[in-house]
Amino acid sequence: MKTRYNKIAILGLAAATFFACETDDKIVDGVLADVGTGAIIRTIDEDNDLVYNDETDAFDAGSTYALVLEEQDEENGALLSSLDIFVNFDDNSSGGTDMTTAEVLLETLQASDFSSGDRGLPQVSVSYTSDELVTATGIDESMIVGKDRFEFRLVLTLTNGEVYTNSDVGGPVSGGAFFSAPFEYFPVIACSITEDLSGTHSYVVTNQRAAPGGGGVCGGADIIGTVTWTETEAGSGVYTSSDMSFGQYEDCYVGRGAAASDEIEIEWDCTLLTPDGEVFLDDDGVVVGEDDADSEVTFSYEITNVTGADMTIEFSSSTGDAGTVVLTREGGVDWPVIFTANN
């Protein structure tokens, strides 16, 4: 085992040296020839279409995970014997019972399952449906939450008895542009966009704080108001907001204006609402367009509780503005149940 690890470590070191001055795939051939042994499974393509629907508590139809893999050894694939593919389910949800499962053998591919690829090396395509992955891991499909993931591990066996897996490779081999051979994959489960969060939602902000050294002084009383979210494209789960700070900017800074711009949006990402982009300020600290800006500010949201139509968010900016908002959905409609995973 130690000998095999050293061979791969040497291969990785040699690859790192070559990477600094070469840009051709033939580097791989040269490294293998110089080292004189070793083997890799290169990632040619990866396609993650695993999408979970929290309303049906099941994967969307057509949910699959697929890989195109290429084997390379010192004999240009002639040493390939077999490839074992293992899988387990990884519970990334906070709270509740950890449903992470033990690794199981999903499939064993023989050399005969590979065909010659564009580089003249053995290549194979594998694809697994969500049903196959649920059955293999034994996970209760109804308990899955978006952002959970499946974990795949490859074990390559050569005809000379050598065996390689993820623990045998270093950074240049596992993540390098030429090798791209991690021997492991972590496809995260995406979420169906089940409804539109657009609307004019009411809010109450408490514990508002101005950025240190920014010249702001907050009023102290709760901030009460409304914010309008508009979906940028039907089914996209991406929203513009009339005020990323829920009134905190206008409460704590005279004449600043609402925290809004054409360059910032809120992305609904499973259990999260993630601001993406910037709000722009001029030298006087007033919100302006990008062309007139002297500085830019980003925002972050952390959902801490969701009960019915009320969502509690801890918000903050990159400059230090912050507060706690209870956001009540327009019409008193319940927020999607998937957000309750943050409770």
C-alpha atoms as a PDB file:
ATOM      1  CA  MET A   1       0.000   0.000   0.000  1.00  0.00           C
ATOM      2  CA  LYS A   2       2.807   2.385   0.888  1.00  0.00           C
ATOM      3  CA  THR A   3       4.582   1.657  -2.417  1.00  0.00           C
ATOM      4  CA  ARG A   4       1.465   2.404  -4.420  1.00  0.00           C
ATOM      5  CA  TYR A   5       0.890   5.675  -2.577  1.00  0.00           C
ATOM      6  CA  ASN A   6       4.438   6.778  -3.243  1.00  0.00           C
ATOM      7  CA  LYS A   7       4.096   6.070  -6.940  1.00  0.00           C
ATOM      8  CA  ILE A   8       1.029   8.255  -7.203  1.00  0.00           C
ATOM      9  CA  ALA A   9       2.616  10.948  -5.048  1.00  0.00           C
ATOM     10  CA  ILE A  10       5.617  11.011  -7.397  1.00  0.00           C
ATOM     11  CA  LEU A  11       3.281  11.127 -10.376  1.00  0.00           C
ATOM     12  CA  GLY A  12       1.446  14.080  -8.813  1.00  0.00           C
ATOM     13  CA  LEU A  13       4.709  15.903  -8.101  1.00  0.00           C
ATOM     14  CA  ALA A  14       5.953  15.380 -11.629  1.00  0.00           C
ATOM     15  CA  ALA A  15       2.634  16.589 -12.982  1.00  0.00           C
ATOM     16  CA  ALA A  16       2.849  19.749 -10.900  1.00  0.00           C
ATOM     17  CA  THR A  17       6.280  20.457 -12.347  1.00  0.00           C
ATOM     18  CA  PHE A  18       5.138  19.943 -15.922  1.00  0.00           C
ATOM     19  CA  PHE A  19       1.998  22.039 -15.417  1.00  0.00           C
ATOM     20  CA  ALA A  20       4.083  25.140 -14.879  1.00  0.00           C
ATOM     21  CA  CYS A  21       5.421  25.166 -18.428  1.00  0.00           C
ATOM     22  CA  GLU A  22       3.270  22.887 -20.649  1.00  0.00           C
ATOM     23  CA  THR A  23      -0.293  23.059 -21.920  1.00  0.00           C
ATOM     24  CA  ASP A  24      -0.751  19.863 -23.889  1.00  0.00           C
ATOM     25  CA  ASP A  25      -2.515  16.642 -22.856  1.00  0.00           C
ATOM     26  CA  LYS A  26       0.663  14.771 -23.859  1.00  0.00           C
ATOM     27  CA  ILE A  27       2.043  15.883 -20.513  1.00  0.00           C
ATOM     28  CA  VAL A  28       0.073  13.045 -18.954  1.00  0.00           C
ATOM     29  CA  ASP A  29       1.720  10.519 -21.224  1.00  0.00           C
ATOM     30  CA  GLY A  30       5.154  11.910 -20.415  1.00  0.00           C
ATOM     31  CA  VAL A  31       4.596  11.814 -16.672  1.00  0.00           C
ATOM     32  CA  LEU A  32       3.376   8.226 -16.737  1.00  0.00           C
ATOM     33  CA  ALA A  33       6.342   7.223 -18.909  1.00  0.00           C
ATOM     34  CA  ASP A  34       8.844   8.907 -16.588  1.00  0.00           C
ATOM     35  CA  VAL A  35       7.335   7.479 -13.436  1.00  0.00           C
ATOM     36  CA  GLY A  36       7.045   4.067 -15.058  1.00  0.00           C
ATOM     37  CA  THR A  37       3.898   2.962 -13.231  1.00  0.00           C
ATOM     38  CA  GLY A  38       0.610   4.236 -11.891  1.00  0.00           C
ATOM     39  CA  ALA A  39      -2.856   4.779 -13.315  1.00  0.00           C
ATOM     40  CA  ILE A  40      -5.638   7.334 -13.229  1.00  0.00           C
ATOM     41  CA  ILE A  41      -9.331   7.620 -13.952  1.00  0.00           C
ATOM     42  CA  ARG A  42      -9.807  10.965 -15.666  1.00  0.00           C
ATOM     43  CA  THR A  43     -13.112  12.870 -15.547  1.00  0.00           C
ATOM     44  CA  ILE A  44     -14.148  13.624 -19.119  1.00  0.00           C
ATOM     45  CA  ASP A  45     -17.635  14.865 -18.237  1.00  0.00           C
ATOM     46  CA  GLU A  46     -19.924  15.133 -15.221  1.00  0.00           C
ATOM     47  CA  ASP A  47     -23.653  15.859 -15.400  1.00  0.00           C
ATOM     48  CA  ASN A  48     -25.681  16.291 -12.219  1.00  0.00           C
ATOM     49  CA  ASP A  49     -29.446  16.418 -12.840  1.00  0.00           C
ATOM     50  CA  LEU A  50     -30.565  15.322  -9.370  1.00  0.00           C
ATOM     51  CA  VAL A  51     -33.517  17.571  -8.481  1.00  0.00           C
ATOM     52  CA  TYR A  52     -35.739  17.051  -5.423  1.00  0.00           C
ATOM     53  CA  ASN A  53     -39.283  18.342  -4.999  1.00  0.00           C
ATOM     54  CA  ASP A  54     -40.179  19.184  -1.388  1.00  0.00           C
ATOM     55  CA  GLU A  55     -43.898  19.266  -2.190  1.00  0.00           C
ATOM     56  CA  THR A  56     -44.018  15.682  -3.451  1.00  0.00           C
ATOM     57  CA  ASP A  57     -41.173  14.500  -1.161  1.00  0.00           C
ATOM     58  CA  ALA A  58     -39.616  12.805  -4.153  1.00  0.00           C
ATOM     59  CA  PHE A  59     -37.110  13.410  -6.921  1.00  0.00           C
ATOM     60  CA  ASP A  60     -38.356  15.044 -10.087  1.00  0.00           C
ATOM     61  CA  ALA A  61     -38.867  12.701 -13.020  1.00  0.00           C
ATOM     62  CA  GLY A  62     -35.676  12.292 -15.021  1.00  0.00           C
ATOM     63  CA  SER A  63     -33.347  12.989 -12.106  1.00  0.00           C
ATOM     64  CA  THR A  64     -29.991  11.378 -12.920  1.00  0.00           C
ATOM     65  CA  TYR A  65     -26.280  11.612 -12.253  1.00  0.00           C
ATOM     66  CA  ALA A  66     -23.864  10.750 -15.058  1.00  0.00           C
ATOM     67  CA  LEU A  67     -20.108  10.525 -15.593  1.00  0.00           C
ATOM     68  CA  VAL A  68     -17.856   9.945 -18.583  1.00  0.00           C
ATOM     69  CA  LEU A  69     -14.569   8.439 -17.393  1.00  0.00           C
ATOM     70  CA  GLU A  70     -11.256   7.638 -19.061  1.00  0.00           C
ATOM     71  CA  GLU A  71      -8.608   5.218 -17.760  1.00  0.00           C
ATOM     72  CA  GLN A  72      -4.910   5.760 -18.384  1.00  0.00           C
ATOM     73  CA  ASP A  73      -1.925   3.681 -17.314  1.00  0.00           C
ATOM     74  CA  GLU A  74       1.643   3.117 -18.496  1.00  0.00           C
ATOM     75  CA  GLU A  75       0.372   0.689 -21.141  1.00  0.00           C
ATOM     76  CA  ASN A  76      -2.234   3.122 -22.521  1.00  0.00           C
ATOM     77  CA  GLY A  77      -5.113   1.262 -20.931  1.00  0.00           C
ATOM     78  CA  ALA A  78      -3.886  -2.269 -21.470  1.00  0.00           C
ATOM     79  CA  LEU A  79      -3.473  -2.773 -17.705  1.00  0.00           C
ATOM     80  CA  LEU A  80      -7.119  -1.962 -16.953  1.00  0.00           C
ATOM     81  CA  SER A  81      -8.842  -4.815 -15.143  1.00  0.00           C
ATOM     82  CA  SER A  82     -11.910  -3.389 -13.401  1.00  0.00           C
ATOM     83  CA  LEU A  83     -13.444  -0.283 -11.867  1.00  0.00           C
ATOM     84  CA  ASP A  84     -15.590  -0.446  -8.721  1.00  0.00           C
ATOM     85  CA  ILE A  85     -18.053   2.381  -8.101  1.00  0.00           C
ATOM     86  CA  PHE A  86     -19.169   2.886  -4.498  1.00  0.00           C
ATOM     87  CA  VAL A  87     -21.874   5.259  -3.250  1.00  0.00           C
ATOM     88  CA  ASN A  88     -23.301   6.556  -0.009  1.00  0.00           C
ATOM     89  CA  PHE A  89     -25.819   9.222   0.980  1.00  0.00           C
ATOM     90  CA  ASP A  90     -24.566  12.253   2.911  1.00  0.00           C
ATOM     91  CA  ASP A  91     -27.077  14.080   5.102  1.00  0.00           C
ATOM     92  CA  ASN A  92     -26.181  17.772   4.920  1.00  0.00           C
ATOM     93  CA  SER A  93     -29.271  18.960   6.792  1.00  0.00           C
ATOM     94  CA  SER A  94     -28.874  20.638  10.147  1.00  0.00           C
ATOM     95  CA  GLY A  95     -30.832  19.280  13.086  1.00  0.00           C
ATOM     96  CA  GLY A  96     -32.814  16.062  13.302  1.00  0.00           C
ATOM     97  CA  THR A  97     -31.435  12.580  12.871  1.00  0.00           C
ATOM     98  CA  ASP A  98     -28.336  12.178  10.736  1.00  0.00           C
ATOM     99  CA  MET A  99     -29.376   9.905   7.867  1.00  0.00           C
ATOM    100  CA  THR A 100     -25.912   9.523   6.348  1.00  0.00           C
ATOM    101  CA  THR A 101     -25.473   5.967   5.095  1.00  0.00           C
ATOM    102  CA  ALA A 102     -22.521   3.615   4.873  1.00  0.00           C
ATOM    103  CA  GLU A 103     -20.776   3.175   1.548  1.00  0.00           C
ATOM    104  CA  VAL A 104     -22.028   0.336  -0.656  1.00  0.00           C
ATOM    105  CA  LEU A 105     -20.834  -1.110  -3.954  1.00  0.00           C
ATOM    106  CA  LEU A 106     -23.022   0.318  -6.703  1.00  0.00           C
ATOM    107  CA  GLU A 107     -21.453  -1.297  -9.751  1.00  0.00           C
ATOM    108  CA  THR A 108     -18.324  -3.070 -10.977  1.00  0.00           C
ATOM    109  CA  LEU A 109     -17.196  -2.313 -14.518  1.00  0.00           C
ATOM    110  CA  GLN A 110     -14.914  -4.742 -16.326  1.00  0.00           C
ATOM    111  CA  ALA A 111     -12.349  -3.772 -18.948  1.00  0.00           C
ATOM    112  CA  SER A 112     -14.762  -5.060 -21.576  1.00  0.00           C
ATOM    113  CA  ASP A 113     -17.284  -2.371 -20.556  1.00  0.00           C
ATOM    114  CA  PHE A 114     -14.889   0.334 -21.782  1.00  0.00           C
ATOM    115  CA  SER A 115     -14.414   1.390 -25.388  1.00  0.00           C
ATOM    116  CA  SER A 116     -11.690   3.408 -27.069  1.00  0.00           C
ATOM    117  CA  GLY A 117     -12.157   7.156 -26.691  1.00  0.00           C
ATOM    118  CA  ASP A 118     -10.886  10.130 -28.686  1.00  0.00           C
ATOM    119  CA  ARG A 119      -7.412   9.766 -27.196  1.00  0.00           C
ATOM    120  CA  GLY A 120      -7.252   6.052 -27.898  1.00  0.00           C
ATOM    121  CA  LEU A 121      -7.694   5.293 -24.190  1.00  0.00           C
ATOM    122  CA  PRO A 122     -10.420   3.208 -22.506  1.00  0.00           C
ATOM    123  CA  GLN A 123     -13.516   5.309 -21.872  1.00  0.00           C
ATOM    124  CA  VAL A 124     -16.883   4.524 -20.298  1.00  0.00           C
ATOM    125  CA  SER A 125     -20.141   6.371 -19.621  1.00  0.00           C
ATOM    126  CA  VAL A 126     -22.181   5.630 -16.514  1.00  0.00           C
ATOM    127  CA  SER A 127     -25.546   7.057 -15.513  1.00  0.00           C
ATOM    128  CA  TYR A 128     -27.653   6.429 -12.422  1.00  0.00           C
ATOM    129  CA  THR A 129     -31.262   7.427 -11.831  1.00  0.00           C
ATOM    130  CA  SER A 130     -32.387   8.828  -8.507  1.00  0.00           C
ATOM    131  CA  ASP A 131     -34.403   5.641  -7.980  1.00  0.00           C
ATOM    132  CA  GLU A 132     -31.269   3.531  -8.386  1.00  0.00           C
ATOM    133  CA  LEU A 133     -29.337   5.688  -5.931  1.00  0.00           C
ATOM    134  CA  VAL A 134     -32.142   5.685  -3.358  1.00  0.00           C
ATOM    135  CA  THR A 135     -32.433   1.895  -3.606  1.00  0.00           C
ATOM    136  CA  ALA A 136     -28.680   1.337  -3.402  1.00  0.00           C
ATOM    137  CA  THR A 137     -28.169   3.546  -0.354  1.00  0.00           C
ATOM    138  CA  GLY A 138     -31.399   2.531   1.385  1.00  0.00           C
ATOM    139  CA  ILE A 139     -32.250   6.157   2.185  1.00  0.00           C
ATOM    140  CA  ASP A 140     -35.858   7.152   2.901  1.00  0.00           C
ATOM    141  CA  GLU A 141     -36.588   9.338  -0.140  1.00  0.00           C
ATOM    142  CA  SER A 142     -39.294  11.291   1.680  1.00  0.00           C
ATOM    143  CA  MET A 143     -36.737  12.521   4.231  1.00  0.00           C
ATOM    144  CA  ILE A 144     -34.289  13.999   1.717  1.00  0.00           C
ATOM    145  CA  VAL A 145     -33.741  17.757   1.669  1.00  0.00           C
ATOM    146  CA  GLY A 146     -32.167  19.821  -1.057  1.00  0.00           C
ATOM    147  CA  LYS A 147     -28.439  20.334  -0.422  1.00  0.00           C
ATOM    148  CA  ASP A 148     -28.064  16.746   0.755  1.00  0.00           C
ATOM    149  CA  ARG A 149     -25.769  14.817  -1.557  1.00  0.00           C
ATOM    150  CA  PHE A 150     -24.615  11.442  -2.779  1.00  0.00           C
ATOM    151  CA  GLU A 151     -20.937  10.578  -2.542  1.00  0.00           C
ATOM    152  CA  PHE A 152     -19.232   8.375  -5.128  1.00  0.00           C
ATOM    153  CA  ARG A 153     -15.833   6.722  -4.774  1.00  0.00           C
ATOM    154  CA  LEU A 154     -13.941   4.861  -7.510  1.00  0.00           C
ATOM    155  CA  VAL A 155     -11.526   1.988  -7.056  1.00  0.00           C
ATOM    156  CA  LEU A 156      -9.388   1.100 -10.058  1.00  0.00           C
ATOM    157  CA  THR A 157      -7.766  -2.351 -10.256  1.00  0.00           C
ATOM    158  CA  LEU A 158      -5.014  -3.174 -12.762  1.00  0.00           C
ATOM    159  CA  THR A 159      -4.089  -6.547 -14.185  1.00  0.00           C
ATOM    160  CA  ASN A 160      -0.767  -6.394 -12.293  1.00  0.00           C
ATOM    161  CA  GLY A 161      -2.633  -6.286  -8.973  1.00  0.00           C
ATOM    162  CA  GLU A 162      -2.185  -2.599  -8.250  1.00  0.00           C
ATOM    163  CA  VAL A 163      -5.238  -0.783  -6.848  1.00  0.00           C
ATOM    164  CA  TYR A 164      -5.896   2.968  -6.845  1.00  0.00           C
ATOM    165  CA  THR A 165      -8.557   5.097  -5.161  1.00  0.00           C
ATOM    166  CA  ASN A 166      -9.110   8.628  -3.804  1.00  0.00           C
ATOM    167  CA  SER A 167      -6.684   8.226  -0.893  1.00  0.00           C
ATOM    168  CA  ASP A 168      -3.823   7.550  -3.335  1.00  0.00           C
ATOM    169  CA  VAL A 169      -3.879  10.854  -5.209  1.00  0.00           C
ATOM    170  CA  GLY A 170      -2.690  14.372  -4.475  1.00  0.00           C
ATOM    171  CA  GLY A 171      -3.990  17.764  -5.592  1.00  0.00           C
ATOM    172  CA  PRO A 172      -2.309  17.966  -9.015  1.00  0.00           C
ATOM    173  CA  VAL A 173      -3.734  14.574  -9.961  1.00  0.00           C
ATOM    174  CA  SER A 174      -7.182  14.870  -8.361  1.00  0.00           C
ATOM    175  CA  GLY A 175      -7.944  18.439  -9.337  1.00  0.00           C
ATOM    176  CA  GLY A 176      -5.405  19.350 -11.991  1.00  0.00           C
ATOM    177  CA  ALA A 177      -6.664  20.525 -15.352  1.00  0.00           C
ATOM    178  CA  PHE A 178      -4.952  17.680 -17.230  1.00  0.00           C
ATOM    179  CA  PHE A 179      -5.497  14.737 -14.894  1.00  0.00           C
ATOM    180  CA  SER A 180      -8.824  15.740 -13.258  1.00  0.00           C
ATOM    181  CA  ALA A 181      -8.808  12.375 -11.514  1.00  0.00           C
ATOM    182  CA  PRO A 182     -10.236  12.754  -8.004  1.00  0.00           C
ATOM    183  CA  PHE A 183     -11.566   9.158  -7.789  1.00  0.00           C
ATOM    184  CA  GLU A 184     -14.491  10.688  -5.850  1.00  0.00           C
ATOM    185  CA  TYR A 185     -17.527  12.835  -6.647  1.00  0.00           C
ATOM    186  CA  PHE A 186     -20.053  14.712  -4.513  1.00  0.00           C
ATOM    187  CA  PRO A 187     -23.172  15.615  -6.517  1.00  0.00           C
ATOM    188  CA  VAL A 188     -25.363  17.947  -4.467  1.00  0.00           C
ATOM    189  CA  ILE A 189     -29.113  17.484  -4.762  1.00  0.00           C
ATOM    190  CA  ALA A 190     -30.821  20.560  -6.199  1.00  0.00           C
ATOM    191  CA  CYS A 191     -34.359  21.677  -5.416  1.00  0.00           C
ATOM    192  CA  SER A 192     -37.376  22.174  -7.595  1.00  0.00           C
ATOM    193  CA  ILE A 193     -38.649  25.731  -7.729  1.00  0.00           C
ATOM    194  CA  THR A 194     -42.158  24.878  -6.559  1.00  0.00           C
ATOM    195  CA  GLU A 195     -43.660  28.351  -6.319  1.00  0.00           C
ATOM    196  CA  ASP A 196     -43.086  32.056  -6.881  1.00  0.00           C
ATOM    197  CA  LEU A 197     -41.904  34.082  -3.860  1.00  0.00           C
ATOM    198  CA  SER A 198     -42.713  37.368  -5.589  1.00  0.00           C
ATOM    199  CA  GLY A 199     -44.864  39.829  -3.671  1.00  0.00           C
ATOM    200  CA  THR A 200     -44.901  42.857  -1.434  1.00  0.00           C
ATOM    201  CA  HIS A 201     -44.018  41.415   1.939  1.00  0.00           C
ATOM    202  CA  SER A 202     -44.295  43.284   5.235  1.00  0.00           C
ATOM    203  CA  TYR A 203     -41.487  43.353   7.760  1.00  0.00           C
ATOM    204  CA  VAL A 204     -40.483  44.335  11.272  1.00  0.00           C
ATOM    205  CA  VAL A 205     -36.766  44.938  11.859  1.00  0.00           C
ATOM    206  CA  THR A 206     -35.195  44.839  15.318  1.00  0.00           C
ATOM    207  CA  ASN A 207     -31.636  45.132  16.608  1.00  0.00           C
ATOM    208  CA  GLN A 208     -30.599  47.231  13.625  1.00  0.00           C
ATOM    209  CA  ARG A 209     -26.937  48.323  13.667  1.00  0.00           C
ATOM    210  CA  ALA A 210     -25.025  50.814  11.539  1.00  0.00           C
ATOM    211  CA  ALA A 211     -21.630  49.912  10.087  1.00  0.00           C
ATOM    212  CA  PRO A 212     -18.756  50.821  12.441  1.00  0.00           C
ATOM    213  CA  GLY A 213     -17.134  54.077  11.369  1.00  0.00           C
ATOM    214  CA  GLY A 214     -19.711  54.656   8.660  1.00  0.00           C
ATOM    215  CA  GLY A 215     -21.334  57.690  10.234  1.00  0.00           C
ATOM    216  CA  GLY A 216     -24.699  56.040  10.699  1.00  0.00           C
ATOM    217  CA  VAL A 217     -26.928  56.361  13.772  1.00  0.00           C
ATOM    218  CA  CYS A 218     -29.958  54.082  13.929  1.00  0.00           C
ATOM    219  CA  GLY A 219     -33.278  55.344  15.273  1.00  0.00           C
ATOM    220  CA  GLY A 220     -33.659  52.633  17.886  1.00  0.00           C
ATOM    221  CA  ALA A 221     -37.349  51.908  17.332  1.00  0.00           C
ATOM    222  CA  ASP A 222     -38.470  48.870  15.355  1.00  0.00           C
ATOM    223  CA  ILE A 223     -38.490  49.473  11.601  1.00  0.00           C
ATOM    224  CA  ILE A 224     -41.840  48.642  10.031  1.00  0.00           C
ATOM    225  CA  GLY A 225     -42.366  48.588   6.293  1.00  0.00           C
ATOM    226  CA  THR A 226     -42.728  46.545   3.125  1.00  0.00           C
ATOM    227  CA  VAL A 227     -40.316  45.146   0.553  1.00  0.00           C
ATOM    228  CA  THR A 228     -41.163  44.006  -2.964  1.00  0.00           C
ATOM    229  CA  TRP A 229     -39.598  40.908  -4.485  1.00  0.00           C
ATOM    230  CA  THR A 230     -40.012  40.299  -8.222  1.00  0.00           C
ATOM    231  CA  GLU A 231     -38.947  37.092  -9.972  1.00  0.00           C
ATOM    232  CA  THR A 232     -36.613  37.928 -12.856  1.00  0.00           C
ATOM    233  CA  GLU A 233     -37.866  35.032 -14.983  1.00  0.00           C
ATOM    234  CA  ALA A 234     -40.683  32.586 -14.356  1.00  0.00           C
ATOM    235  CA  GLY A 235     -39.425  29.514 -12.517  1.00  0.00           C
ATOM    236  CA  SER A 236     -35.897  30.878 -12.095  1.00  0.00           C
ATOM    237  CA  GLY A 237     -36.002  31.311  -8.319  1.00  0.00           C
ATOM    238  CA  VAL A 238     -34.092  34.596  -8.734  1.00  0.00           C
ATOM    239  CA  TYR A 239     -35.598  37.839  -7.414  1.00  0.00           C
ATOM    240  CA  THR A 240     -34.935  41.544  -7.453  1.00  0.00           C
ATOM    241  CA  SER A 241     -35.582  43.369  -4.184  1.00  0.00           C
ATOM    242  CA  SER A 242     -36.712  46.938  -3.563  1.00  0.00           C
ATOM    243  CA  ASP A 243     -34.527  47.050  -0.440  1.00  0.00           C
ATOM    244  CA  MET A 244     -31.891  44.511   0.569  1.00  0.00           C
ATOM    245  CA  SER A 245     -31.638  46.093   4.042  1.00  0.00           C
ATOM    246  CA  PHE A 246     -35.369  46.063   4.882  1.00  0.00           C
ATOM    247  CA  GLY A 247     -35.349  49.771   5.712  1.00  0.00           C
ATOM    248  CA  GLN A 248     -32.152  49.695   7.782  1.00  0.00           C
ATOM    249  CA  TYR A 249     -30.238  51.967   5.385  1.00  0.00           C
ATOM    250  CA  GLU A 250     -32.884  54.686   5.501  1.00  0.00           C
ATOM    251  CA  ASP A 251     -33.302  54.340   9.269  1.00  0.00           C
ATOM    252  CA  CYS A 252     -29.606  54.585  10.100  1.00  0.00           C
ATOM    253  CA  TYR A 253     -28.320  57.018   7.438  1.00  0.00           C
ATOM    254  CA  VAL A 254     -29.799  60.377   6.501  1.00  0.00           C
ATOM    255  CA  GLY A 255     -30.431  60.592   2.777  1.00  0.00           C
ATOM    256  CA  ARG A 256     -28.825  57.262   1.882  1.00  0.00           C
ATOM    257  CA  GLY A 257     -31.840  55.672   0.213  1.00  0.00           C
ATOM    258  CA  ALA A 258     -32.956  52.070   0.007  1.00  0.00           C
ATOM    259  CA  ALA A 259     -30.372  49.334  -0.474  1.00  0.00           C
ATOM    260  CA  ALA A 260     -31.180  48.429  -4.057  1.00  0.00           C
ATOM    261  CA  SER A 261     -29.491  48.258  -7.450  1.00  0.00           C
ATOM    262  CA  ASP A 262     -29.790  46.659 -10.860  1.00  0.00           C
ATOM    263  CA  GLU A 263     -26.781  44.500  -9.979  1.00  0.00           C
ATOM    264  CA  ILE A 264     -28.080  42.628  -6.945  1.00  0.00           C
ATOM    265  CA  GLU A 265     -30.582  39.778  -6.714  1.00  0.00           C
ATOM    266  CA  ILE A 266     -31.780  37.177  -4.235  1.00  0.00           C
ATOM    267  CA  GLU A 267     -31.378  33.543  -5.254  1.00  0.00           C
ATOM    268  CA  TRP A 268     -33.638  30.872  -3.793  1.00  0.00           C
ATOM    269  CA  ASP A 269     -31.270  27.963  -3.326  1.00  0.00           C
ATOM    270  CA  CYS A 270     -33.139  25.100  -1.623  1.00  0.00           C
ATOM    271  CA  THR A 271     -33.238  26.069   2.065  1.00  0.00           C
ATOM    272  CA  LEU A 272     -31.385  29.349   1.516  1.00  0.00           C
ATOM    273  CA  LEU A 273     -32.066  32.839   0.250  1.00  0.00           C
ATOM    274  CA  THR A 274     -28.735  34.130  -1.009  1.00  0.00           C
ATOM    275  CA  PRO A 275     -28.077  37.740  -2.054  1.00  0.00           C
ATOM    276  CA  ASP A 276     -25.850  37.911  -5.120  1.00  0.00           C
ATOM    277  CA  GLY A 277     -24.396  41.167  -6.387  1.00  0.00           C
ATOM    278  CA  GLU A 278     -23.711  44.654  -5.073  1.00  0.00           C
ATOM    279  CA  VAL A 279     -25.332  47.865  -3.935  1.00  0.00           C
ATOM    280  CA  PHE A 280     -23.310  50.974  -4.847  1.00  0.00           C
ATOM    281  CA  LEU A 281     -22.485  54.058  -2.757  1.00  0.00           C
ATOM    282  CA  ASP A 282     -20.872  57.380  -3.628  1.00  0.00           C
ATOM    283  CA  ASP A 283     -18.398  59.249  -1.421  1.00  0.00           C
ATOM    284  CA  ASP A 284     -21.263  60.738   0.580  1.00  0.00           C
ATOM    285  CA  GLY A 285     -22.670  57.281   1.365  1.00  0.00           C
ATOM    286  CA  VAL A 286     -25.687  57.715  -0.878  1.00  0.00           C
ATOM    287  CA  VAL A 287     -26.983  54.774  -2.921  1.00  0.00           C
ATOM    288  CA  VAL A 288     -26.218  55.425  -6.601  1.00  0.00           C
ATOM    289  CA  GLY A 289     -25.931  53.556  -9.879  1.00  0.00           C
ATOM    290  CA  GLU A 290     -22.842  51.547 -10.700  1.00  0.00           C
ATOM    291  CA  ASP A 291     -21.397  54.209 -13.018  1.00  0.00           C
ATOM    292  CA  ASP A 292     -21.392  56.817 -10.218  1.00  0.00           C
ATOM    293  CA  ALA A 293     -20.159  54.521  -7.462  1.00  0.00           C
ATOM    294  CA  ASP A 294     -17.123  54.990  -5.240  1.00  0.00           C
ATOM    295  CA  SER A 295     -17.685  51.782  -3.265  1.00  0.00           C
ATOM    296  CA  GLU A 296     -19.785  48.645  -3.403  1.00  0.00           C
ATOM    297  CA  VAL A 297     -21.571  46.696  -0.686  1.00  0.00           C
ATOM    298  CA  THR A 298     -22.675  43.062  -0.609  1.00  0.00           C
ATOM    299  CA  PHE A 299     -25.307  41.498   1.644  1.00  0.00           C
ATOM    300  CA  SER A 300     -25.832  38.142   3.326  1.00  0.00           C
ATOM    301  CA  TYR A 301     -28.974  36.544   4.753  1.00  0.00           C
ATOM    302  CA  GLU A 302     -29.250  33.768   7.321  1.00  0.00           C
ATOM    303  CA  ILE A 303     -32.713  32.290   7.838  1.00  0.00           C
ATOM    304  CA  THR A 304     -33.062  31.316  11.497  1.00  0.00           C
ATOM    305  CA  ASN A 305     -36.749  30.431  11.767  1.00  0.00           C
ATOM    306  CA  VAL A 306     -39.783  29.930   9.560  1.00  0.00           C
ATOM    307  CA  THR A 307     -43.272  29.569  11.006  1.00  0.00           C
ATOM    308  CA  GLY A 308     -46.174  29.773   8.607  1.00  0.00           C
ATOM    309  CA  ALA A 309     -46.077  33.157   6.849  1.00  0.00           C
ATOM    310  CA  ASP A 310     -43.285  34.536   9.077  1.00  0.00           C
ATOM    311  CA  MET A 311     -39.613  34.139   8.191  1.00  0.00           C
ATOM    312  CA  THR A 312     -36.881  35.416  10.521  1.00  0.00           C
ATOM    313  CA  ILE A 313     -33.681  36.497   8.780  1.00  0.00           C
ATOM    314  CA  GLU A 314     -30.427  37.760  10.249  1.00  0.00           C
ATOM    315  CA  PHE A 315     -29.098  40.134   7.598  1.00  0.00           C
ATOM    316  CA  SER A 316     -25.771  41.919   7.334  1.00  0.00           C
ATOM    317  CA  SER A 317     -23.670  43.842   4.859  1.00  0.00           C
ATOM    318  CA  SER A 318     -19.996  43.626   3.971  1.00  0.00           C
ATOM    319  CA  THR A 319     -19.438  46.975   5.687  1.00  0.00           C
ATOM    320  CA  GLY A 320     -21.033  45.910   8.969  1.00  0.00           C
ATOM    321  CA  ASP A 321     -24.655  47.034   8.788  1.00  0.00           C
ATOM    322  CA  ALA A 322     -26.940  44.423  10.287  1.00  0.00           C
ATOM    323  CA  GLY A 323     -30.300  43.619  11.816  1.00  0.00           C
ATOM    324  CA  THR A 324     -32.963  41.008  12.433  1.00  0.00           C
ATOM    325  CA  VAL A 325     -36.077  41.020  10.269  1.00  0.00           C
ATOM    326  CA  VAL A 326     -39.333  39.092  10.587  1.00  0.00           C
ATOM    327  CA  LEU A 327     -40.630  38.989   7.020  1.00  0.00           C
ATOM    328  CA  THR A 328     -44.331  38.229   6.638  1.00  0.00           C
ATOM    329  CA  ARG A 329     -45.339  36.929   3.227  1.00  0.00           C
ATOM    330  CA  GLU A 330     -47.930  38.867   1.282  1.00  0.00           C
ATOM    331  CA  GLY A 331     -51.466  37.710   2.005  1.00  0.00           C
ATOM    332  CA  GLY A 332     -50.350  35.705   5.024  1.00  0.00           C
ATOM    333  CA  VAL A 333     -49.434  32.777   2.760  1.00  0.00           C
ATOM    334  CA  ASP A 334     -47.084  30.232   4.306  1.00  0.00           C
ATOM    335  CA  TRP A 335     -43.481  30.236   3.096  1.00  0.00           C
ATOM    336  CA  PRO A 336     -42.455  26.984   1.339  1.00  0.00           C
ATOM    337  CA  VAL A 337     -42.014  24.208   3.880  1.00  0.00           C
ATOM    338  CA  ILE A 338     -38.444  23.572   2.733  1.00  0.00           C
ATOM    339  CA  PHE A 339     -37.346  26.729   4.565  1.00  0.00           C
ATOM    340  CA  THR A 340     -38.342  25.174   7.905  1.00  0.00           C
ATOM    341  CA  ALA A 341     -35.155  23.097   7.671  1.00  0.00           C
ATOM    342  CA  ASN A 342     -33.464  26.216   9.082  1.00  0.00           C
ATOM    343  CA  ASN A 343     -35.474  26.055  12.340  1.00  0.00           C
END
